[in-house]
């Protein structure tokens, strides 16, 4: 089996599977833990959490399979899907606040604030 790795994008081509990305998520999780211990000073523009790119890609694939979309976009519907994921106790390590994402409004293109 011939693997091709591109260090700049942290992707590997696996024949029969396609391109697979890798990411060290530990620094993101540790940063989230640190931020979670600190109080947020404002109700406007609250930082809800940080999600690794690989997980966003996984959620995008899951969303597209659920909705039957071949090429999903980062639409307000997708960001609502992400909010539900962030409310799931399995993903609490991504959160840095103490309120539910559904209590946070969206702004502009539907990105979480």
C-alpha atoms as a PDB file:
ATOM      1  CA  UNK A   1       0.000   0.000   0.000  1.00  0.00           C
ATOM      2  CA  UNK A   2       1.372   3.368  -1.017  1.00  0.00           C
ATOM      3  CA  UNK A   3       0.607   6.249   1.316  1.00  0.00           C
ATOM      4  CA  UNK A   4       1.252   9.842   0.361  1.00  0.00           C
ATOM      5  CA  UNK A   5       1.511  12.310   3.233  1.00  0.00           C
ATOM      6  CA  UNK A   6       1.325  16.090   2.919  1.00  0.00           C
ATOM      7  CA  UNK A   7       2.696  17.632   6.134  1.00  0.00           C
ATOM      8  CA  UNK A   8       1.492  21.182   5.370  1.00  0.00           C
ATOM      9  CA  UNK A   9      -2.158  20.072   5.345  1.00  0.00           C
ATOM     10  CA  UNK A  10      -1.677  17.045   7.609  1.00  0.00           C
ATOM     11  CA  UNK A  11      -3.388  14.799   5.069  1.00  0.00           C
ATOM     12  CA  UNK A  12      -2.598  11.286   3.942  1.00  0.00           C
ATOM     13  CA  UNK A  13      -3.872   9.585   0.799  1.00  0.00           C
ATOM     14  CA  UNK A  14      -4.937   6.000   1.462  1.00  0.00           C
ATOM     15  CA  UNK A  15      -5.777   4.033  -1.699  1.00  0.00           C
ATOM     16  CA  UNK A  16      -9.362   2.843  -1.633  1.00  0.00           C
ATOM     17  CA  UNK A  17     -10.257   5.324   1.106  1.00  0.00           C
ATOM     18  CA  UNK A  18      -9.144   8.728  -0.133  1.00  0.00           C
ATOM     19  CA  UNK A  19      -7.584  11.653   1.659  1.00  0.00           C
ATOM     20  CA  UNK A  20      -7.602  11.416   5.439  1.00  0.00           C
ATOM     21  CA  UNK A  21      -6.752  14.371   7.671  1.00  0.00           C
ATOM     22  CA  UNK A  22      -5.062  14.182  11.042  1.00  0.00           C
ATOM     23  CA  UNK A  23      -4.921  16.779  13.770  1.00  0.00           C
ATOM     24  CA  UNK A  24      -3.469  16.965  17.248  1.00  0.00           C
ATOM     25  CA  UNK A  25      -6.544  18.009  19.247  1.00  0.00           C
ATOM     26  CA  UNK A  26      -4.885  17.990  22.664  1.00  0.00           C
ATOM     27  CA  UNK A  27      -3.796  21.685  22.552  1.00  0.00           C
ATOM     28  CA  UNK A  28      -7.357  22.742  21.654  1.00  0.00           C
ATOM     29  CA  UNK A  29      -8.877  20.665  24.465  1.00  0.00           C
ATOM     30  CA  UNK A  30      -6.328  21.981  26.984  1.00  0.00           C
ATOM     31  CA  UNK A  31      -7.003  25.564  25.873  1.00  0.00           C
ATOM     32  CA  UNK A  32     -10.760  24.946  26.305  1.00  0.00           C
ATOM     33  CA  UNK A  33     -10.157  23.635  29.844  1.00  0.00           C
ATOM     34  CA  UNK A  34      -8.160  26.751  30.694  1.00  0.00           C
ATOM     35  CA  UNK A  35     -10.824  29.083  29.296  1.00  0.00           C
ATOM     36  CA  UNK A  36     -13.577  27.160  31.074  1.00  0.00           C
ATOM     37  CA  UNK A  37     -11.975  27.957  34.442  1.00  0.00           C
ATOM     38  CA  UNK A  38     -11.990  31.698  33.682  1.00  0.00           C
ATOM     39  CA  UNK A  39     -15.177  33.787  33.929  1.00  0.00           C
ATOM     40  CA  UNK A  40     -16.350  35.514  30.778  1.00  0.00           C
ATOM     41  CA  UNK A  41     -16.582  39.256  31.254  1.00  0.00           C
ATOM     42  CA  UNK A  42     -19.333  39.972  28.730  1.00  0.00           C
ATOM     43  CA  UNK A  43     -22.665  38.598  27.610  1.00  0.00           C
ATOM     44  CA  UNK A  44     -22.095  40.045  24.133  1.00  0.00           C
ATOM     45  CA  UNK A  45     -19.917  37.968  21.823  1.00  0.00           C
ATOM     46  CA  UNK A  46     -19.541  35.070  24.238  1.00  0.00           C
ATOM     47  CA  UNK A  47     -16.969  32.428  23.384  1.00  0.00           C
ATOM     48  CA  UNK A  48     -18.908  29.146  23.355  1.00  0.00           C
ATOM     49  CA  UNK A  49     -16.038  26.816  22.545  1.00  0.00           C
ATOM     50  CA  UNK A  50     -13.339  25.712  20.144  1.00  0.00           C
ATOM     51  CA  UNK A  51     -13.924  22.742  17.887  1.00  0.00           C
ATOM     52  CA  UNK A  52     -11.036  21.024  16.057  1.00  0.00           C
ATOM     53  CA  UNK A  53     -11.258  21.134  12.250  1.00  0.00           C
ATOM     54  CA  UNK A  54     -11.378  17.337  12.035  1.00  0.00           C
ATOM     55  CA  UNK A  55     -14.472  17.280  14.211  1.00  0.00           C
ATOM     56  CA  UNK A  56     -16.127  20.049  12.172  1.00  0.00           C
ATOM     57  CA  UNK A  57     -15.411  17.947   9.056  1.00  0.00           C
ATOM     58  CA  UNK A  58     -16.917  14.880  10.743  1.00  0.00           C
ATOM     59  CA  UNK A  59     -20.018  16.855  11.766  1.00  0.00           C
ATOM     60  CA  UNK A  60     -20.312  18.216   8.218  1.00  0.00           C
ATOM     61  CA  UNK A  61     -20.258  14.681   6.804  1.00  0.00           C
ATOM     62  CA  UNK A  62     -22.778  13.510   9.402  1.00  0.00           C
ATOM     63  CA  UNK A  63     -25.030  16.495   8.648  1.00  0.00           C
ATOM     64  CA  UNK A  64     -24.813  15.938   4.885  1.00  0.00           C
ATOM     65  CA  UNK A  65     -25.665  12.238   5.271  1.00  0.00           C
ATOM     66  CA  UNK A  66     -28.619  13.058   7.520  1.00  0.00           C
ATOM     67  CA  UNK A  67     -29.939  15.767   5.214  1.00  0.00           C
ATOM     68  CA  UNK A  68     -29.112  13.904   1.981  1.00  0.00           C
ATOM     69  CA  UNK A  69     -26.893  16.722   0.734  1.00  0.00           C
ATOM     70  CA  UNK A  70     -23.979  15.843  -1.555  1.00  0.00           C
ATOM     71  CA  UNK A  71     -21.966  19.050  -1.071  1.00  0.00           C
ATOM     72  CA  UNK A  72     -23.084  20.608   2.220  1.00  0.00           C
ATOM     73  CA  UNK A  73     -22.446  24.251   2.972  1.00  0.00           C
ATOM     74  CA  UNK A  74     -21.868  26.076   6.224  1.00  0.00           C
ATOM     75  CA  UNK A  75     -25.472  27.266   6.409  1.00  0.00           C
ATOM     76  CA  UNK A  76     -27.479  28.438   9.431  1.00  0.00           C
ATOM     77  CA  UNK A  77     -29.024  24.936   9.470  1.00  0.00           C
ATOM     78  CA  UNK A  78     -25.558  23.411   9.829  1.00  0.00           C
ATOM     79  CA  UNK A  79     -24.647  25.790  12.670  1.00  0.00           C
ATOM     80  CA  UNK A  80     -27.876  24.812  14.483  1.00  0.00           C
ATOM     81  CA  UNK A  81     -26.782  21.191  14.032  1.00  0.00           C
ATOM     82  CA  UNK A  82     -23.427  22.140  15.634  1.00  0.00           C
ATOM     83  CA  UNK A  83     -25.212  23.835  18.536  1.00  0.00           C
ATOM     84  CA  UNK A  84     -27.051  20.602  19.276  1.00  0.00           C
ATOM     85  CA  UNK A  85     -23.747  18.734  19.168  1.00  0.00           C
ATOM     86  CA  UNK A  86     -22.198  21.193  21.632  1.00  0.00           C
ATOM     87  CA  UNK A  87     -25.137  20.679  23.998  1.00  0.00           C
ATOM     88  CA  UNK A  88     -24.468  16.923  23.982  1.00  0.00           C
ATOM     89  CA  UNK A  89     -22.620  15.863  27.179  1.00  0.00           C
ATOM     90  CA  UNK A  90     -20.227  13.812  25.014  1.00  0.00           C
ATOM     91  CA  UNK A  91     -18.785  17.057  23.649  1.00  0.00           C
ATOM     92  CA  UNK A  92     -18.622  19.115  26.853  1.00  0.00           C
ATOM     93  CA  UNK A  93     -14.814  19.174  26.598  1.00  0.00           C
ATOM     94  CA  UNK A  94     -15.229  21.561  23.639  1.00  0.00           C
ATOM     95  CA  UNK A  95     -17.226  24.083  25.688  1.00  0.00           C
ATOM     96  CA  UNK A  96     -15.723  27.070  27.461  1.00  0.00           C
ATOM     97  CA  UNK A  97     -18.865  28.677  28.827  1.00  0.00           C
ATOM     98  CA  UNK A  98     -21.508  27.719  31.329  1.00  0.00           C
ATOM     99  CA  UNK A  99     -24.608  28.387  29.220  1.00  0.00           C
ATOM    100  CA  UNK A 100     -26.207  26.318  26.475  1.00  0.00           C
ATOM    101  CA  UNK A 101     -25.336  27.255  22.865  1.00  0.00           C
ATOM    102  CA  UNK A 102     -29.080  27.477  22.096  1.00  0.00           C
ATOM    103  CA  UNK A 103     -29.172  30.515  24.396  1.00  0.00           C
ATOM    104  CA  UNK A 104     -26.575  32.244  22.197  1.00  0.00           C
ATOM    105  CA  UNK A 105     -27.715  34.146  19.131  1.00  0.00           C
ATOM    106  CA  UNK A 106     -26.139  33.854  15.701  1.00  0.00           C
ATOM    107  CA  UNK A 107     -24.601  36.730  13.818  1.00  0.00           C
ATOM    108  CA  UNK A 108     -23.889  37.371  10.159  1.00  0.00           C
ATOM    109  CA  UNK A 109     -23.422  34.113   8.262  1.00  0.00           C
ATOM    110  CA  UNK A 110     -24.814  32.056  11.122  1.00  0.00           C
ATOM    111  CA  UNK A 111     -21.577  31.441  12.973  1.00  0.00           C
ATOM    112  CA  UNK A 112     -21.799  30.794  16.668  1.00  0.00           C
ATOM    113  CA  UNK A 113     -20.819  33.710  18.829  1.00  0.00           C
END
